[in-house]
Amino acid sequence: QTIRAIGQAARVEIAEATECPVHLFLFVKVRENWADD
């Protein structure tokens, strides 16, 4: 539910920025220690 709500909110604003319809697909991955990469 949470990632769907995030995706819906982001899609609306990205569509405004790109001035075209947007199909947005989000994936969530764990990447440990990415802040040291």
PDB file of all heavy atoms in Angstrom:
ATOM      1  N   GLN A   1       0.817  -1.225   0.000  1.00  0.00           N
ATOM      2  CA  GLN A   1       0.000   0.000   0.000  1.00  0.00           C
ATOM      3  C   GLN A   1       0.851   1.276   0.000  1.00  0.00           C
ATOM      4  O   GLN A   1       0.550   2.242  -0.698  1.00  0.00           O
ATOM      5  CB  GLN A   1      -0.916   0.019   1.227  1.00  0.00           C
ATOM      6  CG  GLN A   1      -2.117  -0.887   1.104  1.00  0.00           C
ATOM      7  CD  GLN A   1      -2.974  -0.828   2.361  1.00  0.00           C
ATOM      8  OE1 GLN A   1      -2.452  -0.759   3.473  1.00  0.00           O
ATOM      9  NE2 GLN A   1      -4.283  -0.861   2.193  1.00  0.00           N
ATOM     10  N   THR A   2       1.918   1.277   0.812  1.00  0.00           N
ATOM     11  CA  THR A   2       2.723   2.499   0.954  1.00  0.00           C
ATOM     12  C   THR A   2       3.432   2.845  -0.352  1.00  0.00           C
ATOM     13  O   THR A   2       3.396   3.996  -0.806  1.00  0.00           O
ATOM     14  CB  THR A   2       3.746   2.337   2.094  1.00  0.00           C
ATOM     15  OG1 THR A   2       3.043   1.991   3.285  1.00  0.00           O
ATOM     16  CG2 THR A   2       4.516   3.623   2.328  1.00  0.00           C
ATOM     17  N   ILE A   3       4.063   1.853  -0.968  1.00  0.00           N
ATOM     18  CA  ILE A   3       4.813   2.137  -2.204  1.00  0.00           C
ATOM     19  C   ILE A   3       3.851   2.548  -3.327  1.00  0.00           C
ATOM     20  O   ILE A   3       4.182   3.391  -4.165  1.00  0.00           O
ATOM     21  CB  ILE A   3       5.700   0.930  -2.628  1.00  0.00           C
ATOM     22  CG1 ILE A   3       6.729   1.356  -3.689  1.00  0.00           C
ATOM     23  CG2 ILE A   3       4.884  -0.236  -3.120  1.00  0.00           C
ATOM     24  CD1 ILE A   3       7.800   2.281  -3.198  1.00  0.00           C
ATOM     25  N   ARG A   4       2.623   2.007  -3.307  1.00  0.00           N
ATOM     26  CA  ARG A   4       1.633   2.416  -4.318  1.00  0.00           C
ATOM     27  C   ARG A   4       1.252   3.887  -4.146  1.00  0.00           C
ATOM     28  O   ARG A   4       1.173   4.642  -5.109  1.00  0.00           O
ATOM     29  CB  ARG A   4       0.382   1.529  -4.233  1.00  0.00           C
ATOM     30  CG  ARG A   4       0.463   0.284  -5.107  1.00  0.00           C
ATOM     31  CD  ARG A   4      -0.913  -0.305  -5.395  1.00  0.00           C
ATOM     32  NE  ARG A   4      -1.620  -0.691  -4.184  1.00  0.00           N
ATOM     33  CZ  ARG A   4      -1.446  -1.845  -3.527  1.00  0.00           C
ATOM     34  NH1 ARG A   4      -0.570  -2.723  -4.001  1.00  0.00           N
ATOM     35  NH2 ARG A   4      -2.115  -2.118  -2.432  1.00  0.00           N
ATOM     36  N   ALA A   5       1.029   4.279  -2.885  1.00  0.00           N
ATOM     37  CA  ALA A   5       0.662   5.688  -2.611  1.00  0.00           C
ATOM     38  C   ALA A   5       1.807   6.619  -2.984  1.00  0.00           C
ATOM     39  O   ALA A   5       1.591   7.705  -3.557  1.00  0.00           O
ATOM     40  CB  ALA A   5       0.312   5.845  -1.134  1.00  0.00           C
ATOM     41  N   ILE A   6       3.042   6.218  -2.673  1.00  0.00           N
ATOM     42  CA  ILE A   6       4.222   7.024  -3.034  1.00  0.00           C
ATOM     43  C   ILE A   6       4.297   7.156  -4.554  1.00  0.00           C
ATOM     44  O   ILE A   6       4.513   8.245  -5.092  1.00  0.00           O
ATOM     45  CB  ILE A   6       5.512   6.375  -2.472  1.00  0.00           C
ATOM     46  CG1 ILE A   6       5.562   6.527  -0.942  1.00  0.00           C
ATOM     47  CG2 ILE A   6       6.762   6.982  -3.113  1.00  0.00           C
ATOM     48  CD1 ILE A   6       6.574   5.627  -0.265  1.00  0.00           C
ATOM     49  N   GLY A   7       4.111   6.044  -5.255  1.00  0.00           N
ATOM     50  CA  GLY A   7       4.174   6.040  -6.720  1.00  0.00           C
ATOM     51  C   GLY A   7       3.118   6.940  -7.347  1.00  0.00           C
ATOM     52  O   GLY A   7       3.397   7.679  -8.299  1.00  0.00           O
ATOM     53  N   GLN A   8       1.896   6.899  -6.795  1.00  0.00           N
ATOM     54  CA  GLN A   8       0.814   7.738  -7.338  1.00  0.00           C
ATOM     55  C   GLN A   8       1.141   9.223  -7.180  1.00  0.00           C
ATOM     56  O   GLN A   8       0.983  10.016  -8.106  1.00  0.00           O
ATOM     57  CB  GLN A   8      -0.515   7.413  -6.639  1.00  0.00           C
ATOM     58  CG  GLN A   8      -1.130   6.115  -7.133  1.00  0.00           C
ATOM     59  CD  GLN A   8      -2.251   5.624  -6.218  1.00  0.00           C
ATOM     60  OE1 GLN A   8      -2.535   6.221  -5.181  1.00  0.00           O
ATOM     61  NE2 GLN A   8      -2.881   4.520  -6.598  1.00  0.00           N
ATOM     62  N   ALA A   9       1.615   9.589  -5.981  1.00  0.00           N
ATOM     63  CA  ALA A   9       1.944  10.998  -5.717  1.00  0.00           C
ATOM     64  C   ALA A   9       3.106  11.460  -6.603  1.00  0.00           C
ATOM     65  O   ALA A   9       3.080  12.567  -7.157  1.00  0.00           O
ATOM     66  CB  ALA A   9       2.303  11.185  -4.242  1.00  0.00           C
ATOM     67  N   ALA A  10       4.122  10.603  -6.752  1.00  0.00           N
ATOM     68  CA  ALA A  10       5.291  10.957  -7.573  1.00  0.00           C
ATOM     69  C   ALA A  10       4.892  11.071  -9.047  1.00  0.00           C
ATOM     70  O   ALA A  10       5.332  11.982  -9.754  1.00  0.00           O
ATOM     71  CB  ALA A  10       6.391   9.914  -7.405  1.00  0.00           C
ATOM     72  N   ARG A  11       4.031  10.152  -9.509  1.00  0.00           N
ATOM     73  CA  ARG A  11       3.639  10.141 -10.925  1.00  0.00           C
ATOM     74  C   ARG A  11       2.969  11.465 -11.325  1.00  0.00           C
ATOM     75  O   ARG A  11       3.247  12.018 -12.386  1.00  0.00           O
ATOM     76  CB  ARG A  11       2.696   8.964 -11.188  1.00  0.00           C
ATOM     77  CG  ARG A  11       2.271   8.823 -12.642  1.00  0.00           C
ATOM     78  CD  ARG A  11       1.388   7.612 -12.839  1.00  0.00           C
ATOM     79  NE  ARG A  11       0.234   7.620 -11.949  1.00  0.00           N
ATOM     80  CZ  ARG A  11      -0.843   8.398 -12.098  1.00  0.00           C
ATOM     81  NH1 ARG A  11      -0.900   9.258 -13.102  1.00  0.00           N
ATOM     82  NH2 ARG A  11      -1.851   8.338 -11.247  1.00  0.00           N
ATOM     83  N   VAL A  12       2.122  11.989 -10.444  1.00  0.00           N
ATOM     84  CA  VAL A  12       1.417  13.244 -10.741  1.00  0.00           C
ATOM     85  C   VAL A  12       2.420  14.380 -10.942  1.00  0.00           C
ATOM     86  O   VAL A  12       2.340  15.148 -11.907  1.00  0.00           O
ATOM     87  CB  VAL A  12       0.423  13.594  -9.602  1.00  0.00           C
ATOM     88  CG1 VAL A  12      -0.125  14.995  -9.773  1.00  0.00           C
ATOM     89  CG2 VAL A  12      -0.712  12.576  -9.564  1.00  0.00           C
ATOM     90  N   GLU A  13       3.399  14.482 -10.036  1.00  0.00           N
ATOM     91  CA  GLU A  13       4.374  15.583 -10.136  1.00  0.00           C
ATOM     92  C   GLU A  13       5.358  15.394 -11.284  1.00  0.00           C
ATOM     93  O   GLU A  13       5.770  16.348 -11.920  1.00  0.00           O
ATOM     94  CB  GLU A  13       5.125  15.750  -8.812  1.00  0.00           C
ATOM     95  CG  GLU A  13       4.314  16.557  -7.839  1.00  0.00           C
ATOM     96  CD  GLU A  13       5.167  17.233  -6.780  1.00  0.00           C
ATOM     97  OE1 GLU A  13       6.396  17.321  -6.947  1.00  0.00           O
ATOM     98  OE2 GLU A  13       4.578  17.669  -5.787  1.00  0.00           O
ATOM     99  N   ILE A  14       5.742  14.138 -11.540  1.00  0.00           N
ATOM    100  CA  ILE A  14       6.662  13.892 -12.664  1.00  0.00           C
ATOM    101  C   ILE A  14       5.959  14.238 -13.975  1.00  0.00           C
ATOM    102  O   ILE A  14       6.559  14.812 -14.892  1.00  0.00           O
ATOM    103  CB  ILE A  14       7.170  12.429 -12.655  1.00  0.00           C
ATOM    104  CG1 ILE A  14       8.033  12.173 -11.410  1.00  0.00           C
ATOM    105  CG2 ILE A  14       7.987  12.142 -13.916  1.00  0.00           C
ATOM    106  CD1 ILE A  14       8.368  10.710 -11.168  1.00  0.00           C
ATOM    107  N   ALA A  15       4.659  13.926 -14.059  1.00  0.00           N
ATOM    108  CA  ALA A  15       3.885  14.262 -15.267  1.00  0.00           C
ATOM    109  C   ALA A  15       3.836  15.776 -15.471  1.00  0.00           C
ATOM    110  O   ALA A  15       3.926  16.265 -16.598  1.00  0.00           O
ATOM    111  CB  ALA A  15       2.467  13.687 -15.163  1.00  0.00           C
ATOM    112  N   GLU A  16       3.737  16.529 -14.364  1.00  0.00           N
ATOM    113  CA  GLU A  16       3.754  17.998 -14.465  1.00  0.00           C
ATOM    114  C   GLU A  16       5.107  18.485 -14.985  1.00  0.00           C
ATOM    115  O   GLU A  16       5.191  19.377 -15.814  1.00  0.00           O
ATOM    116  CB  GLU A  16       3.483  18.630 -13.088  1.00  0.00           C
ATOM    117  CG  GLU A  16       2.020  18.628 -12.698  1.00  0.00           C
ATOM    118  CD  GLU A  16       1.812  19.181 -11.286  1.00  0.00           C
ATOM    119  OE1 GLU A  16       2.727  19.854 -10.781  1.00  0.00           O
ATOM    120  OE2 GLU A  16       0.754  18.918 -10.712  1.00  0.00           O
ATOM    121  N   ALA A  17       6.184  17.874 -14.469  1.00  0.00           N
ATOM    122  CA  ALA A  17       7.539  18.290 -14.860  1.00  0.00           C
ATOM    123  C   ALA A  17       7.840  17.934 -16.318  1.00  0.00           C
ATOM    124  O   ALA A  17       8.497  18.700 -17.032  1.00  0.00           O
ATOM    125  CB  ALA A  17       8.576  17.651 -13.944  1.00  0.00           C
ATOM    126  N   THR A  18       7.357  16.764 -16.772  1.00  0.00           N
ATOM    127  CA  THR A  18       7.666  16.308 -18.136  1.00  0.00           C
ATOM    128  C   THR A  18       6.631  16.783 -19.150  1.00  0.00           C
ATOM    129  O   THR A  18       6.846  16.698 -20.353  1.00  0.00           O
ATOM    130  CB  THR A  18       7.723  14.769 -18.200  1.00  0.00           C
ATOM    131  OG1 THR A  18       6.467  14.248 -17.735  1.00  0.00           O
ATOM    132  CG2 THR A  18       8.847  14.207 -17.351  1.00  0.00           C
ATOM    133  N   GLU A  19       5.492  17.280 -18.610  1.00  0.00           N
ATOM    134  CA  GLU A  19       4.380  17.741 -19.461  1.00  0.00           C
ATOM    135  C   GLU A  19       3.883  16.644 -20.393  1.00  0.00           C
ATOM    136  O   GLU A  19       3.584  16.877 -21.570  1.00  0.00           O
ATOM    137  CB  GLU A  19       4.796  18.994 -20.268  1.00  0.00           C
ATOM    138  CG  GLU A  19       5.157  20.168 -19.362  1.00  0.00           C
ATOM    139  CD  GLU A  19       5.573  21.418 -20.126  1.00  0.00           C
ATOM    140  OE1 GLU A  19       5.935  21.303 -21.313  1.00  0.00           O
ATOM    141  OE2 GLU A  19       5.541  22.506 -19.526  1.00  0.00           O
ATOM    142  N   CYS A  20       3.818  15.400 -19.863  1.00  0.00           N
ATOM    143  CA  CYS A  20       3.230  14.302 -20.635  1.00  0.00           C
ATOM    144  C   CYS A  20       2.762  13.215 -19.662  1.00  0.00           C
ATOM    145  O   CYS A  20       3.202  13.191 -18.505  1.00  0.00           O
ATOM    146  CB  CYS A  20       4.238  13.733 -21.634  1.00  0.00           C
ATOM    147  SG  CYS A  20       5.626  12.871 -20.879  1.00  0.00           S
ATOM    148  N   PRO A  21       1.866  12.316 -20.104  1.00  0.00           N
ATOM    149  CA  PRO A  21       1.418  11.234 -19.216  1.00  0.00           C
ATOM    150  C   PRO A  21       2.597  10.343 -18.807  1.00  0.00           C
ATOM    151  O   PRO A  21       3.510  10.094 -19.604  1.00  0.00           O
ATOM    152  CB  PRO A  21       0.418  10.455 -20.078  1.00  0.00           C
ATOM    153  CG  PRO A  21       0.025  11.391 -21.174  1.00  0.00           C
ATOM    154  CD  PRO A  21       1.207  12.266 -21.419  1.00  0.00           C
ATOM    155  N   VAL A  22       2.571   9.870 -17.565  1.00  0.00           N
ATOM    156  CA  VAL A  22       3.688   9.081 -17.033  1.00  0.00           C
ATOM    157  C   VAL A  22       3.182   7.734 -16.505  1.00  0.00           C
ATOM    158  O   VAL A  22       2.175   7.668 -15.801  1.00  0.00           O
ATOM    159  CB  VAL A  22       4.393   9.864 -15.887  1.00  0.00           C
ATOM    160  CG1 VAL A  22       5.326   8.950 -15.093  1.00  0.00           C
ATOM    161  CG2 VAL A  22       5.174  11.048 -16.452  1.00  0.00           C
ATOM    162  N   HIS A  23       3.883   6.675 -16.871  1.00  0.00           N
ATOM    163  CA  HIS A  23       3.657   5.350 -16.283  1.00  0.00           C
ATOM    164  C   HIS A  23       4.879   5.070 -15.409  1.00  0.00           C
ATOM    165  O   HIS A  23       5.993   4.925 -15.933  1.00  0.00           O
ATOM    166  CB  HIS A  23       3.529   4.275 -17.375  1.00  0.00           C
ATOM    167  CG  HIS A  23       2.535   4.645 -18.446  1.00  0.00           C
ATOM    168  ND1 HIS A  23       1.181   4.471 -18.289  1.00  0.00           N
ATOM    169  CD2 HIS A  23       2.716   5.204 -19.680  1.00  0.00           C
ATOM    170  CE1 HIS A  23       0.561   4.905 -19.381  1.00  0.00           C
ATOM    171  NE2 HIS A  23       1.468   5.354 -20.232  1.00  0.00           N
ATOM    172  N   LEU A  24       4.685   5.041 -14.104  1.00  0.00           N
ATOM    173  CA  LEU A  24       5.814   4.926 -13.169  1.00  0.00           C
ATOM    174  C   LEU A  24       5.788   3.581 -12.456  1.00  0.00           C
ATOM    175  O   LEU A  24       4.767   3.176 -11.895  1.00  0.00           O
ATOM    176  CB  LEU A  24       5.740   6.059 -12.137  1.00  0.00           C
ATOM    177  CG  LEU A  24       6.821   6.090 -11.050  1.00  0.00           C
ATOM    178  CD1 LEU A  24       8.209   6.294 -11.658  1.00  0.00           C
ATOM    179  CD2 LEU A  24       6.527   7.189 -10.026  1.00  0.00           C
ATOM    180  N   PHE A  25       6.918   2.886 -12.477  1.00  0.00           N
ATOM    181  CA  PHE A  25       7.048   1.587 -11.813  1.00  0.00           C
ATOM    182  C   PHE A  25       8.185   1.675 -10.792  1.00  0.00           C
ATOM    183  O   PHE A  25       9.312   2.023 -11.149  1.00  0.00           O
ATOM    184  CB  PHE A  25       7.338   0.489 -12.841  1.00  0.00           C
ATOM    185  CG  PHE A  25       6.242   0.346 -13.868  1.00  0.00           C
ATOM    186  CD1 PHE A  25       6.263   1.129 -15.027  1.00  0.00           C
ATOM    187  CD2 PHE A  25       5.183  -0.529 -13.655  1.00  0.00           C
ATOM    188  CE1 PHE A  25       5.236   1.028 -15.969  1.00  0.00           C
ATOM    189  CE2 PHE A  25       4.155  -0.642 -14.592  1.00  0.00           C
ATOM    190  CZ  PHE A  25       4.184   0.146 -15.745  1.00  0.00           C
ATOM    191  N   LEU A  26       7.870   1.378  -9.529  1.00  0.00           N
ATOM    192  CA  LEU A  26       8.862   1.490  -8.453  1.00  0.00           C
ATOM    193  C   LEU A  26       9.233   0.114  -7.911  1.00  0.00           C
ATOM    194  O   LEU A  26       8.364  -0.744  -7.709  1.00  0.00           O
ATOM    195  CB  LEU A  26       8.297   2.343  -7.301  1.00  0.00           C
ATOM    196  CG  LEU A  26       7.947   3.798  -7.614  1.00  0.00           C
ATOM    197  CD1 LEU A  26       7.422   4.490  -6.365  1.00  0.00           C
ATOM    198  CD2 LEU A  26       9.155   4.554  -8.158  1.00  0.00           C
ATOM    199  N   PHE A  27      10.515  -0.074  -7.659  1.00  0.00           N
ATOM    200  CA  PHE A  27      11.027  -1.301  -7.059  1.00  0.00           C
ATOM    201  C   PHE A  27      11.854  -0.914  -5.839  1.00  0.00           C
ATOM    202  O   PHE A  27      12.548   0.100  -5.869  1.00  0.00           O
ATOM    203  CB  PHE A  27      11.898  -2.067  -8.073  1.00  0.00           C
ATOM    204  CG  PHE A  27      11.193  -2.338  -9.372  1.00  0.00           C
ATOM    205  CD1 PHE A  27      11.281  -1.427 -10.433  1.00  0.00           C
ATOM    206  CD2 PHE A  27      10.411  -3.472  -9.533  1.00  0.00           C
ATOM    207  CE1 PHE A  27      10.612  -1.649 -11.631  1.00  0.00           C
ATOM    208  CE2 PHE A  27       9.733  -3.712 -10.725  1.00  0.00           C
ATOM    209  CZ  PHE A  27       9.834  -2.798 -11.776  1.00  0.00           C
ATOM    210  N   VAL A  28      11.779  -1.713  -4.785  1.00  0.00           N
ATOM    211  CA  VAL A  28      12.521  -1.398  -3.558  1.00  0.00           C
ATOM    212  C   VAL A  28      13.560  -2.487  -3.321  1.00  0.00           C
ATOM    213  O   VAL A  28      13.232  -3.674  -3.285  1.00  0.00           O
ATOM    214  CB  VAL A  28      11.577  -1.308  -2.331  1.00  0.00           C
ATOM    215  CG1 VAL A  28      12.359  -0.807  -1.113  1.00  0.00           C
ATOM    216  CG2 VAL A  28      10.400  -0.376  -2.620  1.00  0.00           C
ATOM    217  N   LYS A  29      14.821  -2.076  -3.188  1.00  0.00           N
ATOM    218  CA  LYS A  29      15.907  -3.040  -2.978  1.00  0.00           C
ATOM    219  C   LYS A  29      16.755  -2.638  -1.782  1.00  0.00           C
ATOM    220  O   LYS A  29      16.919  -1.447  -1.494  1.00  0.00           O
ATOM    221  CB  LYS A  29      16.816  -3.099  -4.217  1.00  0.00           C
ATOM    222  CG  LYS A  29      16.134  -3.706  -5.447  1.00  0.00           C
ATOM    223  CD  LYS A  29      17.120  -3.805  -6.589  1.00  0.00           C
ATOM    224  CE  LYS A  29      16.424  -4.359  -7.840  1.00  0.00           C
ATOM    225  NZ  LYS A  29      17.334  -4.339  -9.001  1.00  0.00           N
ATOM    226  N   VAL A  30      17.308  -3.643  -1.135  1.00  0.00           N
ATOM    227  CA  VAL A  30      18.232  -3.398  -0.022  1.00  0.00           C
ATOM    228  C   VAL A  30      19.645  -3.344  -0.589  1.00  0.00           C
ATOM    229  O   VAL A  30      20.074  -4.238  -1.321  1.00  0.00           O
ATOM    230  CB  VAL A  30      18.147  -4.522   1.037  1.00  0.00           C
ATOM    231  CG1 VAL A  30      19.178  -4.287   2.142  1.00  0.00           C
ATOM    232  CG2 VAL A  30      16.741  -4.594   1.624  1.00  0.00           C
ATOM    233  N   ARG A  31      20.344  -2.263  -0.298  1.00  0.00           N
ATOM    234  CA  ARG A  31      21.759  -2.168  -0.658  1.00  0.00           C
ATOM    235  C   ARG A  31      22.496  -1.672   0.572  1.00  0.00           C
ATOM    236  O   ARG A  31      22.525  -0.476   0.859  1.00  0.00           O
ATOM    237  CB  ARG A  31      21.963  -1.218  -1.843  1.00  0.00           C
ATOM    238  CG  ARG A  31      23.426  -1.153  -2.280  1.00  0.00           C
ATOM    239  CD  ARG A  31      23.607  -0.147  -3.394  1.00  0.00           C
ATOM    240  NE  ARG A  31      23.389  -0.735  -4.694  1.00  0.00           N
ATOM    241  CZ  ARG A  31      23.129  -0.036  -5.789  1.00  0.00           C
ATOM    242  NH1 ARG A  31      23.034   1.274  -5.723  1.00  0.00           N
ATOM    243  NH2 ARG A  31      22.953  -0.619  -6.951  1.00  0.00           N
ATOM    244  N   GLU A  32      23.050  -2.614   1.313  1.00  0.00           N
ATOM    245  CA  GLU A  32      23.726  -2.255   2.568  1.00  0.00           C
ATOM    246  C   GLU A  32      24.949  -1.403   2.270  1.00  0.00           C
ATOM    247  O   GLU A  32      25.632  -1.584   1.274  1.00  0.00           O
ATOM    248  CB  GLU A  32      24.135  -3.522   3.322  1.00  0.00           C
ATOM    249  CG  GLU A  32      22.930  -4.274   3.893  1.00  0.00           C
ATOM    250  CD  GLU A  32      23.346  -5.516   4.651  1.00  0.00           C
ATOM    251  OE1 GLU A  32      24.535  -5.608   5.011  1.00  0.00           O
ATOM    252  OE2 GLU A  32      22.474  -6.371   4.884  1.00  0.00           O
ATOM    253  N   ASN A  33      25.192  -0.471   3.171  1.00  0.00           N
ATOM    254  CA  ASN A  33      26.389   0.385   3.092  1.00  0.00           C
ATOM    255  C   ASN A  33      26.489   1.177   1.789  1.00  0.00           C
ATOM    256  O   ASN A  33      27.573   1.499   1.334  1.00  0.00           O
ATOM    257  CB  ASN A  33      27.677  -0.449   3.267  1.00  0.00           C
ATOM    258  CG  ASN A  33      27.676  -1.194   4.578  1.00  0.00           C
ATOM    259  OD1 ASN A  33      27.226  -0.671   5.584  1.00  0.00           O
ATOM    260  ND2 ASN A  33      28.154  -2.426   4.557  1.00  0.00           N
ATOM    261  N   TRP A  34      25.311   1.503   1.164  1.00  0.00           N
ATOM    262  CA  TRP A  34      25.416   2.284  -0.068  1.00  0.00           C
ATOM    263  C   TRP A  34      26.039   3.646   0.204  1.00  0.00           C
ATOM    264  O   TRP A  34      26.654   4.240  -0.677  1.00  0.00           O
ATOM    265  CB  TRP A  34      24.055   2.416  -0.766  1.00  0.00           C
ATOM    266  CG  TRP A  34      23.092   3.380  -0.132  1.00  0.00           C
ATOM    267  CD1 TRP A  34      22.057   3.079   0.694  1.00  0.00           C
ATOM    268  CD2 TRP A  34      23.077   4.801  -0.261  1.00  0.00           C
ATOM    269  NE1 TRP A  34      21.404   4.211   1.098  1.00  0.00           N
ATOM    270  CE2 TRP A  34      21.998   5.292   0.523  1.00  0.00           C
ATOM    271  CE3 TRP A  34      23.855   5.727  -0.956  1.00  0.00           C
ATOM    272  CZ2 TRP A  34      21.691   6.646   0.628  1.00  0.00           C
ATOM    273  CZ3 TRP A  34      23.539   7.073  -0.846  1.00  0.00           C
ATOM    274  CH2 TRP A  34      22.472   7.527  -0.066  1.00  0.00           C
ATOM    275  N   ALA A  35      25.922   4.129   1.453  1.00  0.00           N
ATOM    276  CA  ALA A  35      26.485   5.446   1.773  1.00  0.00           C
ATOM    277  C   ALA A  35      28.016   5.418   1.819  1.00  0.00           C
ATOM    278  O   ALA A  35      28.650   6.439   2.024  1.00  0.00           O
ATOM    279  CB  ALA A  35      25.934   5.946   3.100  1.00  0.00           C
ATOM    280  N   ASP A  36      28.616   4.223   1.641  1.00  0.00           N
ATOM    281  CA  ASP A  36      30.080   4.124   1.562  1.00  0.00           C
ATOM    282  C   ASP A  36      30.544   3.756   0.151  1.00  0.00           C
ATOM    283  O   ASP A  36      31.692   3.393  -0.052  1.00  0.00           O
ATOM    284  CB  ASP A  36      30.594   3.064   2.554  1.00  0.00           C
ATOM    285  CG  ASP A  36      30.339   3.484   3.993  1.00  0.00           C
ATOM    286  OD1 ASP A  36      30.438   4.692   4.273  1.00  0.00           O
ATOM    287  OD2 ASP A  36      30.024   2.615   4.822  1.00  0.00           O
ATOM    288  N   ASP A  37      29.638   3.843  -0.830  1.00  0.00           N
ATOM    289  CA  ASP A  37      29.959   3.437  -2.200  1.00  0.00           C
ATOM    290  C   ASP A  37      30.249   4.685  -3.049  1.00  0.00           C
ATOM    291  O   ASP A  37      29.359   5.500  -3.274  1.00  0.00           O
ATOM    292  CB  ASP A  37      28.759   2.661  -2.769  1.00  0.00           C
ATOM    293  CG  ASP A  37      28.995   2.194  -4.201  1.00  0.00           C
ATOM    294  OD1 ASP A  37      30.029   2.568  -4.795  1.00  0.00           O
ATOM    295  OD2 ASP A  37      28.136   1.458  -4.722  1.00  0.00           O
TER     296      ASP A  37
END
